[in-house]
Amino acid sequence: MESNTRKSPDKDCVCAGGRGYSFREIRDTAVRAAGLFQSLGMAKGDRVAIMSQNTPGFVIAFYGVLAAGGVVVPVNHKLMPPEVDYILNHSEAKLFLFDGSLLPVADKLASSVTKIAMDSPAGTYGQFEDLLAAAPLSPVEISDDDLAEILYTSGTTGKPKGCMHTHRGVVMSGITGALAIKMDEDDRLLMAMPIWHSSPLNNWFTGIQYVGGTTVMIHEYHPLHFLQAIAQEKCTVYFGAPISYIMPVQMLPNFDTFDLSSMRAWIYGGGPIAAETARMIMAKYKSDRFYQVYGMTESGPTGTTLMPKDQVRKAGSIGRAGLPGCDIVVMKNTGEAAGPGDVGEIWLKADSMMKGYFRDPAATQDVFEKGWYKTGDVARLDADGYLFMVDRTKDMIVTGGENVYSKEVEDAIAACPGVAAAAVIGIPHKEWGETVAAFVIPAKEANLTEEKLRDFLADKLAKYKIPRSIKFLETLPYTPSGKVMKYKLREEYAK
């Protein structure tokens, strides 16, 4: 930020709502925000949670926390109060900034953390924008190895884990993203996916910041606003889940009237696109410049890219090798590296790798082997060395680019009165990648319905985690040791 302000002080750092915010304006406001945070008792290393949509306020608060030596804890704005409370308590957050539009969630939080509203008024809570002139910044010495972020990702136990990323690691994530698609200072990145997600924040926002380009923000993804922003703001780069490309084609009869010719890099992640869908999208968007990226929050995220020339030829693959600063190996159960035709677990090393899970040394130890991060993703290598996903050992569902861990949903369902047992799997879906499906055994004499179960879950799980399909069964397929054989559920129902 300091470098960009010196080089191009009056250039737009961010554009939102038809207005540009220069590098100098963002830098100066972020410094005032850092002074405010210090005046509220924040010291170096303290965590500050931010629950926001795509706004300049998030960018200012993000840089303000870092300038004050703090650690940013981005919070998914789709979460329900119990989910937010867990993150606030586990991260030991000193402050909590939230978008005023999220007041219904903030008001129900049990946490006693100091709360500040941003971007829009929220009842009696202090307003971030009104408090910025409170105090000057006391300079803080920050090293590359100091923590910059704790990014929470759902865990197989049902409780999210906090991935600790250093300043150096975050910058390396951005450099990797910039190198992958050759970004430069003339690029204009469209931020339509939630900026608090690891890839939008670290690969693409940090990447465009590193090269001195501009970020165009829309508050929240909408198919029409997505196309309008590209056409009006002459965006050149976009990252989104596959569904964000498919929805405009399906929903907007006037799709072909939008001028998308400024775009040079269309990036997608969160699941592969089938060859038929890839051809359709390339035809509709009149471009063959599509990239698929694969990575995980733990690695920065950093991983692989399926390049434009391979989108149809190797459809369904996640790419061939690690990106710059990243190394990948596929390991068989025997502990040997896999060869063509073999199946094994993806192991990863990266300059942007997390330091570990916050307050969870045991989980950290479990996922590293001699410096390699064990992803839990199982892939097959084809004759040309391209990786094709086969399964996930971590029982995770990816729906519309959002990660959902089955155990978390199963635990929430189990707490509902009238439920004897439940199992959750992902069912393939053409547009969303997967959808969440629940198989429930009702307790004897329980008058349980889909509506009652969904109502029970409504204030306990984010909307995207609530099963779209609920099937009541008399029994589940169990192993002799009492574990649910989910592969049998997939064989019978996931067709």
Protein backbone atom coordinates (compact mmCIF):
# COMPACT_ATOMS: atom_id res chain seq x y z
CA MET A 1 0.00 0.00 0.00
CA GLU A 2 2.81 2.44 0.88
CA SER A 3 4.62 1.54 -2.35
CA ASN A 4 1.54 2.05 -4.52
CA THR A 5 0.80 5.36 -2.80
CA ARG A 6 4.30 6.59 -3.62
CA LYS A 7 4.15 5.38 -7.24
CA SER A 8 0.55 6.25 -8.16
CA PRO A 9 -1.05 8.25 -5.33
CA ASP A 10 -4.07 9.42 -7.35
CA LYS A 11 -4.76 6.15 -9.17
CA ASP A 12 -7.87 4.21 -8.14
CA CYS A 13 -7.06 1.47 -5.67
CA VAL A 14 -10.73 0.51 -5.37
CA CYS A 15 -13.87 1.41 -7.31
CA ALA A 16 -17.27 0.83 -5.72
CA GLY A 17 -20.73 2.28 -6.19
CA GLY A 18 -19.60 4.41 -9.11
CA ARG A 19 -16.84 6.09 -7.10
CA GLY A 20 -13.08 5.66 -7.13
CA TYR A 21 -10.91 5.53 -3.99
CA SER A 22 -7.29 6.39 -4.68
CA PHE A 23 -4.30 4.62 -3.18
CA ARG A 24 -3.55 7.75 -1.16
CA GLU A 25 -7.12 7.96 0.18
CA ILE A 26 -7.19 4.28 1.16
CA ARG A 27 -3.72 4.52 2.76
CA ASP A 28 -4.50 7.70 4.71
CA THR A 29 -7.86 6.38 5.94
CA ALA A 30 -6.32 3.03 6.89
CA VAL A 31 -3.69 4.81 8.99
CA ARG A 32 -6.47 6.66 10.83
CA ALA A 33 -8.26 3.35 11.31
CA ALA A 34 -5.08 1.88 12.81
CA GLY A 35 -4.97 4.77 15.29
CA LEU A 36 -8.61 4.12 16.18
CA PHE A 37 -7.95 0.43 16.83
CA GLN A 38 -5.00 1.27 19.07
CA SER A 39 -7.12 3.78 21.00
CA LEU A 40 -9.63 0.96 21.64
CA GLY A 41 -6.94 -1.13 23.29
CA MET A 42 -5.66 -3.19 20.36
CA ALA A 43 -1.97 -4.12 20.71
CA LYS A 44 0.40 -5.82 18.31
CA GLY A 45 -0.68 -9.41 17.67
CA ASP A 46 -4.29 -8.86 18.78
CA ARG A 47 -7.00 -10.30 16.56
CA VAL A 48 -9.67 -8.11 14.94
CA ALA A 49 -12.63 -9.87 13.31
CA ILE A 50 -14.28 -8.26 10.28
CA MET A 51 -17.66 -9.44 8.98
CA SER A 52 -18.41 -7.49 5.85
CA GLN A 53 -19.46 -7.74 2.24
CA ASN A 54 -17.45 -6.26 -0.63
CA THR A 55 -16.96 -2.64 0.40
CA PRO A 56 -14.16 -0.06 0.58
CA GLY A 57 -14.74 -0.20 4.34
CA PHE A 58 -13.43 -3.77 4.43
CA VAL A 59 -10.27 -2.74 2.58
CA ILE A 60 -9.68 0.22 4.91
CA ALA A 61 -10.29 -1.89 8.04
CA PHE A 62 -8.09 -4.70 6.65
CA TYR A 63 -5.13 -2.41 6.07
CA GLY A 64 -5.83 -0.54 9.31
CA VAL A 65 -5.56 -3.70 11.40
CA LEU A 66 -2.31 -4.67 9.66
CA ALA A 67 -0.84 -1.17 10.06
CA ALA A 68 -1.50 -1.36 13.80
CA GLY A 69 0.28 -4.71 13.99
CA GLY A 70 -2.91 -6.68 14.40
CA VAL A 71 -4.18 -9.90 12.86
CA VAL A 72 -7.23 -9.82 10.59
CA VAL A 73 -9.89 -12.50 11.15
CA PRO A 74 -12.31 -12.32 8.19
CA VAL A 75 -15.75 -13.70 9.04
CA ASN A 76 -18.18 -15.20 6.53
CA HIS A 77 -21.14 -12.79 6.41
CA LYS A 78 -23.51 -15.70 5.72
CA LEU A 79 -22.92 -17.35 9.13
CA MET A 80 -25.49 -17.52 11.90
CA PRO A 81 -24.83 -16.13 15.43
CA PRO A 82 -23.61 -19.42 17.02
CA GLU A 83 -21.11 -19.87 14.17
CA VAL A 84 -19.84 -16.29 14.49
CA ASP A 85 -19.61 -16.59 18.28
CA TYR A 86 -17.37 -19.62 17.95
CA ILE A 87 -14.91 -17.76 15.70
CA LEU A 88 -14.89 -14.67 17.94
CA ASN A 89 -14.26 -16.76 21.05
CA HIS A 90 -11.75 -19.16 19.51
CA SER A 91 -9.72 -16.37 17.89
CA GLU A 92 -9.90 -14.35 21.13
CA ALA A 93 -10.85 -11.33 19.03
CA LYS A 94 -10.22 -7.93 20.63
CA LEU A 95 -12.61 -6.08 18.30
CA PHE A 96 -15.44 -7.05 15.97
CA LEU A 97 -16.30 -4.88 12.96
CA PHE A 98 -19.50 -5.75 11.13
CA ASP A 99 -21.45 -4.39 8.19
CA GLY A 100 -24.46 -2.51 9.58
CA SER A 101 -26.75 -4.55 7.33
CA LEU A 102 -25.76 -7.59 9.42
CA LEU A 103 -27.19 -6.08 12.64
CA PRO A 104 -29.68 -8.97 13.14
CA VAL A 105 -26.70 -11.32 13.51
CA ALA A 106 -24.55 -8.94 15.57
CA ASP A 107 -27.41 -8.30 18.00
CA LYS A 108 -27.75 -12.00 18.81
CA LEU A 109 -24.07 -12.63 19.56
CA ALA A 110 -23.25 -13.88 23.03
CA SER A 111 -19.64 -12.68 22.80
CA SER A 112 -18.75 -9.62 24.87
CA VAL A 113 -16.18 -8.40 22.32
CA THR A 114 -16.28 -4.67 21.47
CA LYS A 115 -18.48 -4.25 18.40
CA ILE A 116 -18.29 -1.48 15.79
CA ALA A 117 -20.61 -1.07 12.81
CA MET A 118 -19.25 -0.14 9.39
CA ASP A 119 -20.59 0.94 5.98
CA SER A 120 -24.16 1.48 7.25
CA PRO A 121 -25.66 2.53 10.62
CA ALA A 122 -26.57 -0.18 13.13
CA GLY A 123 -28.64 0.97 16.08
CA THR A 124 -26.62 2.15 19.07
CA TYR A 125 -23.30 0.65 17.96
CA GLY A 126 -20.41 3.01 17.30
CA GLN A 127 -19.92 3.81 13.61
CA PHE A 128 -16.49 3.04 12.14
CA GLU A 129 -16.53 5.95 9.70
CA ASP A 130 -17.49 8.46 12.44
CA LEU A 131 -14.77 7.27 14.83
CA LEU A 132 -11.82 7.42 12.43
CA ALA A 133 -10.45 10.77 13.63
CA ALA A 134 -10.17 9.49 17.20
CA ALA A 135 -6.41 9.07 17.65
CA PRO A 136 -3.10 9.15 15.76
CA LEU A 137 -1.25 5.94 14.95
CA SER A 138 1.67 4.92 17.14
CA PRO A 139 4.08 3.26 14.66
CA VAL A 140 4.50 -0.49 15.05
CA GLU A 141 7.44 -2.54 13.79
CA ILE A 142 6.16 -5.44 11.70
CA SER A 143 8.25 -8.32 10.37
CA ASP A 144 7.59 -10.70 7.48
CA ASP A 145 7.00 -13.56 9.91
CA ASP A 146 4.39 -11.75 12.04
CA LEU A 147 0.84 -13.04 11.70
CA ALA A 148 -1.35 -11.09 9.28
CA GLU A 149 -4.47 -13.27 9.09
CA ILE A 150 -6.32 -16.13 10.71
CA LEU A 151 -8.61 -17.64 8.09
CA TYR A 152 -11.22 -20.01 9.47
CA THR A 153 -12.08 -23.12 7.49
CA SER A 154 -14.60 -25.74 8.58
CA GLY A 155 -13.06 -28.79 10.18
CA THR A 156 -13.95 -32.45 9.99
CA THR A 157 -14.82 -32.39 13.68
CA GLY A 158 -17.50 -29.79 12.98
CA LYS A 159 -15.54 -26.95 14.59
CA PRO A 160 -13.75 -24.49 12.27
CA LYS A 161 -9.94 -24.32 12.35
CA GLY A 162 -8.03 -21.05 12.13
CA CYS A 163 -5.26 -21.09 9.49
CA MET A 164 -2.47 -18.74 10.58
CA HIS A 165 -0.90 -16.79 7.72
CA THR A 166 2.08 -14.44 7.99
CA HIS A 167 2.63 -11.16 6.15
CA ARG A 168 5.15 -12.90 3.90
CA GLY A 169 2.78 -15.80 3.22
CA VAL A 170 -0.10 -13.49 2.24
CA VAL A 171 2.15 -11.53 -0.14
CA MET A 172 3.44 -14.76 -1.66
CA SER A 173 -0.18 -15.86 -2.27
CA GLY A 174 -0.76 -12.62 -4.16
CA ILE A 175 2.45 -12.94 -6.16
CA THR A 176 1.50 -16.50 -7.13
CA GLY A 177 -1.94 -15.33 -8.32
CA ALA A 178 -0.43 -12.44 -10.28
CA LEU A 179 2.13 -14.72 -11.95
CA ALA A 180 -0.46 -17.38 -12.80
CA ILE A 181 -2.40 -15.03 -15.09
CA LYS A 182 0.32 -12.39 -15.68
CA MET A 183 -1.40 -9.44 -13.98
CA ASP A 184 0.03 -5.92 -14.29
CA GLU A 185 -0.78 -2.34 -13.25
CA ASP A 186 -3.29 -1.89 -16.10
CA ASP A 187 -5.51 -4.74 -14.91
CA ARG A 188 -8.89 -4.10 -13.31
CA LEU A 189 -10.02 -6.98 -11.08
CA LEU A 190 -13.74 -7.51 -10.56
CA MET A 191 -14.41 -8.53 -6.95
CA ALA A 192 -17.87 -10.10 -7.02
CA MET A 193 -17.17 -13.17 -4.89
CA PRO A 194 -16.96 -12.45 -1.13
CA ILE A 195 -13.62 -10.74 -0.42
CA TRP A 196 -13.32 -12.54 2.94
CA HIS A 197 -12.81 -15.85 1.11
CA SER A 198 -9.17 -16.94 1.04
CA SER A 199 -8.69 -16.94 -2.74
CA PRO A 200 -10.44 -13.62 -3.53
CA LEU A 201 -8.57 -11.97 -0.64
CA ASN A 202 -5.09 -13.44 -0.89
CA ASN A 203 -4.64 -14.58 -4.50
CA TRP A 204 -6.56 -11.90 -6.37
CA PHE A 205 -7.00 -8.80 -4.19
CA THR A 206 -3.44 -9.06 -2.83
CA GLY A 207 -2.23 -9.97 -6.33
CA ILE A 208 -3.77 -6.90 -7.97
CA GLN A 209 -2.49 -4.75 -5.10
CA TYR A 210 1.02 -6.14 -5.57
CA VAL A 211 1.16 -5.05 -9.23
CA GLY A 212 -0.58 -1.71 -8.57
CA GLY A 213 -3.83 -2.44 -10.41
CA THR A 214 -7.41 -1.54 -9.50
CA THR A 215 -10.13 -3.58 -7.75
CA VAL A 216 -13.73 -3.01 -8.89
CA MET A 217 -16.16 -4.09 -6.16
CA ILE A 218 -19.80 -5.06 -6.30
CA HIS A 219 -21.41 -5.41 -2.89
CA GLU A 220 -22.53 -8.98 -3.48
CA TYR A 221 -22.66 -11.24 -6.52
CA HIS A 222 -25.73 -10.90 -8.72
CA PRO A 223 -25.79 -12.14 -12.35
CA LEU A 224 -26.97 -8.79 -13.74
CA HIS A 225 -24.67 -6.62 -11.61
CA PHE A 226 -21.78 -8.91 -12.52
CA LEU A 227 -22.20 -8.28 -16.25
CA GLN A 228 -22.98 -4.58 -15.79
CA ALA A 229 -19.79 -4.05 -13.76
CA ILE A 230 -17.60 -5.68 -16.41
CA ALA A 231 -19.17 -3.65 -19.21
CA GLN A 232 -19.21 -0.31 -17.39
CA GLU A 233 -15.89 -0.53 -15.56
CA LYS A 234 -13.96 -2.29 -18.35
CA CYS A 235 -12.76 -5.04 -16.01
CA THR A 236 -10.01 -7.35 -17.25
CA VAL A 237 -9.82 -10.12 -14.61
CA TYR A 238 -12.49 -12.04 -12.68
CA PHE A 239 -12.44 -14.95 -10.23
CA GLY A 240 -15.58 -16.84 -9.26
CA ALA A 241 -17.19 -20.20 -8.63
CA PRO A 242 -18.39 -22.08 -11.75
CA ILE A 243 -22.02 -21.26 -10.90
CA SER A 244 -21.25 -17.53 -11.19
CA TYR A 245 -20.53 -18.07 -14.90
CA ILE A 246 -23.50 -20.33 -15.53
CA MET A 247 -26.23 -18.24 -13.81
CA PRO A 248 -26.02 -15.16 -16.10
CA VAL A 249 -26.30 -17.39 -19.19
CA GLN A 250 -29.37 -19.15 -17.76
CA MET A 251 -31.12 -16.16 -16.19
CA LEU A 252 -30.54 -13.19 -18.50
CA PRO A 253 -32.20 -13.30 -21.94
CA ASN A 254 -30.17 -10.23 -22.97
CA PHE A 255 -26.81 -11.77 -22.00
CA ASP A 256 -25.38 -11.22 -25.49
CA THR A 257 -25.96 -7.45 -25.33
CA PHE A 258 -23.28 -6.91 -22.65
CA ASP A 259 -19.84 -5.84 -23.84
CA LEU A 260 -17.38 -8.19 -22.15
CA SER A 261 -14.55 -7.57 -24.61
CA SER A 262 -12.30 -5.90 -22.00
CA MET A 263 -11.89 -9.21 -20.14
CA ARG A 264 -8.64 -11.12 -20.67
CA ALA A 265 -8.70 -13.66 -17.80
CA TRP A 266 -11.71 -15.60 -16.54
CA ILE A 267 -10.72 -17.61 -13.44
CA TYR A 268 -12.84 -20.19 -11.64
CA GLY A 269 -12.32 -22.36 -8.58
CA GLY A 270 -14.23 -24.55 -6.16
CA GLY A 271 -14.78 -27.38 -8.63
CA PRO A 272 -14.00 -28.40 -12.20
CA ILE A 273 -16.21 -27.67 -15.22
CA ALA A 274 -17.23 -30.51 -17.56
CA ALA A 275 -16.07 -30.35 -21.19
CA GLU A 276 -19.61 -29.69 -22.47
CA THR A 277 -20.10 -26.85 -19.97
CA ALA A 278 -16.64 -25.44 -20.74
CA ARG A 279 -17.47 -25.27 -24.45
CA MET A 280 -20.82 -23.60 -23.73
CA ILE A 281 -19.28 -20.98 -21.45
CA MET A 282 -16.44 -20.18 -23.85
CA ALA A 283 -18.95 -19.74 -26.67
CA LYS A 284 -21.28 -17.51 -24.64
CA TYR A 285 -18.48 -15.39 -23.14
CA LYS A 286 -16.71 -15.27 -26.53
CA SER A 287 -13.37 -16.12 -24.93
CA ASP A 288 -10.97 -19.01 -24.59
CA ARG A 289 -9.08 -17.33 -21.72
CA PHE A 290 -10.41 -19.49 -18.88
CA TYR A 291 -8.28 -20.71 -15.96
CA GLN A 292 -9.26 -23.20 -13.28
CA VAL A 293 -7.40 -22.86 -9.98
CA TYR A 294 -7.05 -25.44 -7.20
CA GLY A 295 -5.81 -24.77 -3.69
CA MET A 296 -6.94 -24.65 -0.10
CA THR A 297 -7.07 -22.10 2.70
CA GLU A 298 -4.18 -23.82 4.49
CA SER A 299 -1.83 -23.26 1.53
CA GLY A 300 -2.56 -19.60 1.10
CA PRO A 301 -4.40 -20.71 -1.07
CA THR A 302 -1.84 -21.90 -3.61
CA GLY A 303 -1.88 -25.03 -5.74
CA THR A 304 -2.39 -25.72 -9.43
CA THR A 305 -3.94 -24.07 -12.48
CA LEU A 306 -5.57 -25.65 -15.52
CA MET A 307 -4.48 -23.29 -18.29
CA PRO A 308 -6.73 -22.00 -21.11
CA LYS A 309 -5.28 -24.39 -23.72
CA ASP A 310 -6.33 -27.37 -21.56
CA GLN A 311 -9.90 -26.36 -20.66
CA VAL A 312 -11.56 -28.72 -23.15
CA ARG A 313 -8.68 -31.11 -23.85
CA LYS A 314 -8.28 -31.90 -20.13
CA ALA A 315 -11.73 -30.93 -18.85
CA GLY A 316 -12.25 -32.10 -15.27
CA SER A 317 -8.56 -31.82 -14.41
CA ILE A 318 -7.19 -29.42 -11.81
CA GLY A 319 -3.94 -28.95 -13.72
CA ARG A 320 -0.58 -30.57 -14.12
CA ALA A 321 1.94 -29.09 -11.67
CA GLY A 322 2.29 -26.61 -8.82
CA LEU A 323 2.26 -22.89 -9.57
CA PRO A 324 5.44 -20.82 -9.03
CA GLY A 325 6.36 -21.05 -5.35
CA CYS A 326 4.43 -24.31 -4.98
CA ASP A 327 5.40 -27.95 -5.29
CA ILE A 328 2.96 -30.88 -5.54
CA VAL A 329 3.35 -34.63 -5.28
CA VAL A 330 0.70 -37.37 -5.37
CA MET A 331 1.47 -39.99 -2.71
CA LYS A 332 0.21 -43.57 -2.77
CA ASN A 333 -0.76 -45.42 0.43
CA THR A 334 2.59 -47.20 0.24
CA GLY A 335 4.40 -43.89 0.80
CA GLU A 336 5.68 -43.81 -2.78
CA ALA A 337 5.06 -41.07 -5.35
CA ALA A 338 2.29 -41.95 -7.79
CA GLY A 339 2.94 -42.43 -11.51
CA PRO A 340 0.69 -42.24 -14.59
CA GLY A 341 -2.56 -44.09 -13.95
CA ASP A 342 -2.00 -44.20 -10.17
CA VAL A 343 -4.27 -42.76 -7.50
CA GLY A 344 -3.00 -41.06 -4.34
CA GLU A 345 -3.32 -38.15 -1.94
CA ILE A 346 -2.16 -34.69 -3.03
CA TRP A 347 0.68 -33.37 -0.87
CA LEU A 348 1.71 -29.76 -1.17
CA LYS A 349 4.53 -27.37 -0.28
CA ALA A 350 4.18 -23.62 -0.83
CA ASP A 351 5.86 -20.33 0.03
CA SER A 352 2.40 -19.19 1.17
CA MET A 353 1.72 -22.18 3.46
CA MET A 354 0.10 -21.47 6.83
CA LYS A 355 2.19 -21.61 10.00
CA GLY A 356 -0.39 -23.97 11.44
CA TYR A 357 -3.84 -24.03 13.01
CA PHE A 358 -4.43 -21.43 15.70
CA ARG A 359 -4.54 -22.97 19.19
CA ASP A 360 -4.53 -26.48 17.73
CA PRO A 361 -1.01 -27.97 17.63
CA ALA A 362 -2.34 -31.54 17.44
CA ALA A 363 -4.34 -30.83 14.27
CA THR A 364 -1.33 -29.01 12.82
CA GLN A 365 0.90 -32.01 13.45
CA ASP A 366 -1.66 -34.33 11.83
CA VAL A 367 -1.66 -32.53 8.47
CA PHE A 368 2.09 -32.12 7.94
CA GLU A 369 4.55 -34.83 6.95
CA LYS A 370 8.22 -33.83 6.62
CA GLY A 371 7.24 -30.33 5.56
CA TRP A 372 4.51 -31.46 3.17
CA TYR A 373 0.88 -30.49 3.76
CA LYS A 374 -1.42 -33.50 3.30
CA THR A 375 -4.49 -32.08 1.58
CA GLY A 376 -6.85 -35.01 2.07
CA ASP A 377 -7.75 -34.75 -1.63
CA VAL A 378 -7.33 -37.95 -3.64
CA ALA A 379 -6.36 -37.58 -7.31
CA ARG A 380 -5.51 -39.73 -10.30
CA LEU A 381 -2.60 -38.93 -12.59
CA ASP A 382 -3.23 -39.42 -16.31
CA ALA A 383 -0.58 -40.38 -18.87
CA ASP A 384 0.39 -36.72 -19.34
CA GLY A 385 0.74 -36.01 -15.62
CA TYR A 386 -2.55 -34.08 -15.24
CA LEU A 387 -4.41 -34.47 -11.94
CA PHE A 388 -8.07 -35.52 -11.79
CA MET A 389 -9.89 -35.41 -8.45
CA VAL A 390 -11.22 -38.78 -7.30
CA ASP A 391 -12.36 -38.28 -3.70
CA ARG A 392 -11.84 -36.29 -0.53
CA THR A 393 -10.63 -38.03 2.60
CA LYS A 394 -11.92 -35.06 4.60
CA ASP A 395 -15.63 -35.68 3.96
CA MET A 396 -16.17 -32.23 2.48
CA ILE A 397 -18.88 -30.94 0.13
CA VAL A 398 -18.22 -28.02 -2.23
CA THR A 399 -21.45 -26.27 -3.22
CA GLY A 400 -21.29 -23.10 -5.29
CA GLY A 401 -17.69 -22.57 -4.22
CA GLU A 402 -18.51 -22.85 -0.49
CA ASN A 403 -16.96 -25.61 1.63
CA VAL A 404 -19.35 -27.60 3.81
CA TYR A 405 -18.10 -30.34 6.13
CA SER A 406 -20.59 -33.14 6.61
CA LYS A 407 -19.82 -33.55 10.31
CA GLU A 408 -20.80 -29.96 11.10
CA VAL A 409 -24.20 -30.42 9.44
CA GLU A 410 -24.70 -33.86 11.00
CA ASP A 411 -24.03 -32.46 14.48
CA ALA A 412 -26.59 -29.69 13.95
CA ILE A 413 -29.22 -32.16 12.71
CA ALA A 414 -28.53 -34.53 15.62
CA ALA A 415 -29.42 -31.76 18.07
CA CYS A 416 -32.93 -31.48 16.61
CA PRO A 417 -35.64 -33.12 18.75
CA GLY A 418 -36.98 -36.23 17.08
CA VAL A 419 -33.74 -37.16 15.27
CA ALA A 420 -32.23 -40.55 16.10
CA ALA A 421 -29.36 -40.50 13.58
CA ALA A 422 -28.27 -38.66 10.44
CA ALA A 423 -25.71 -38.81 7.66
CA VAL A 424 -24.84 -36.02 5.21
CA ILE A 425 -23.26 -36.35 1.77
CA GLY A 426 -22.76 -34.24 -1.34
CA ILE A 427 -24.86 -35.05 -4.41
CA PRO A 428 -23.48 -34.00 -7.82
CA HIS A 429 -25.24 -30.97 -9.33
CA LYS A 430 -24.66 -29.63 -12.85
CA GLU A 431 -24.59 -25.95 -11.85
CA TRP A 432 -23.60 -25.91 -8.16
CA GLY A 433 -21.02 -28.71 -8.33
CA GLU A 434 -22.62 -30.46 -5.38
CA THR A 435 -25.62 -29.94 -3.12
CA VAL A 436 -25.99 -30.96 0.50
CA ALA A 437 -28.17 -34.02 1.10
CA ALA A 438 -29.20 -35.39 4.50
CA PHE A 439 -30.41 -38.91 5.36
CA VAL A 440 -32.24 -38.92 8.66
CA ILE A 441 -33.58 -41.66 10.91
CA PRO A 442 -36.43 -40.18 12.98
CA ALA A 443 -36.82 -41.21 16.59
CA LYS A 444 -39.69 -43.58 17.31
CA GLU A 445 -43.04 -41.82 17.42
CA ALA A 446 -41.40 -38.54 16.39
CA ASN A 447 -43.52 -36.32 14.15
CA LEU A 448 -40.54 -35.01 12.20
CA THR A 449 -40.94 -33.30 8.82
CA GLU A 450 -38.55 -31.62 6.37
CA GLU A 451 -40.07 -28.25 7.24
CA LYS A 452 -39.57 -28.75 10.99
CA LEU A 453 -35.96 -29.82 10.49
CA ARG A 454 -35.14 -26.89 8.21
CA ASP A 455 -36.78 -24.46 10.64
CA PHE A 456 -34.64 -25.90 13.44
CA LEU A 457 -31.45 -25.45 11.41
CA ALA A 458 -32.28 -21.96 10.13
CA ASP A 459 -30.59 -20.02 12.95
CA LYS A 460 -27.81 -22.56 13.55
CA LEU A 461 -26.24 -23.04 10.14
CA ALA A 462 -25.49 -20.70 7.25
CA LYS A 463 -28.12 -21.07 4.53
CA TYR A 464 -25.75 -22.80 2.09
CA LYS A 465 -25.06 -25.54 4.68
CA ILE A 466 -28.72 -26.45 5.20
CA PRO A 467 -29.54 -29.61 3.19
CA ARG A 468 -31.46 -29.01 0.00
CA SER A 469 -32.47 -32.67 0.00
CA ILE A 470 -33.72 -34.45 3.14
CA LYS A 471 -34.68 -38.12 3.02
CA PHE A 472 -36.10 -40.00 5.98
CA LEU A 473 -34.94 -43.61 6.28
CA GLU A 474 -35.63 -46.47 8.66
CA THR A 475 -31.93 -47.32 8.86
CA LEU A 476 -28.51 -46.26 7.57
CA PRO A 477 -25.81 -48.57 6.14
CA TYR A 478 -23.32 -49.17 8.99
CA THR A 479 -19.96 -50.94 9.18
CA PRO A 480 -19.52 -53.56 11.94
CA SER A 481 -17.77 -50.87 14.00
CA GLY A 482 -20.81 -48.59 13.72
CA LYS A 483 -19.59 -46.07 11.09
CA VAL A 484 -21.94 -44.98 8.32
CA MET A 485 -20.87 -46.32 4.92
CA LYS A 486 -21.40 -43.12 2.98
CA TYR A 487 -20.22 -44.64 -0.25
CA LYS A 488 -23.33 -46.84 -0.19
CA LEU A 489 -25.54 -43.75 0.19
CA ARG A 490 -23.71 -42.16 -2.75
CA GLU A 491 -24.12 -45.31 -4.85
CA GLU A 492 -27.86 -45.43 -4.24
CA TYR A 493 -28.85 -41.76 -4.13
CA ALA A 494 -26.13 -39.59 -5.71
CA LYS A 495 -27.05 -40.34 -9.31
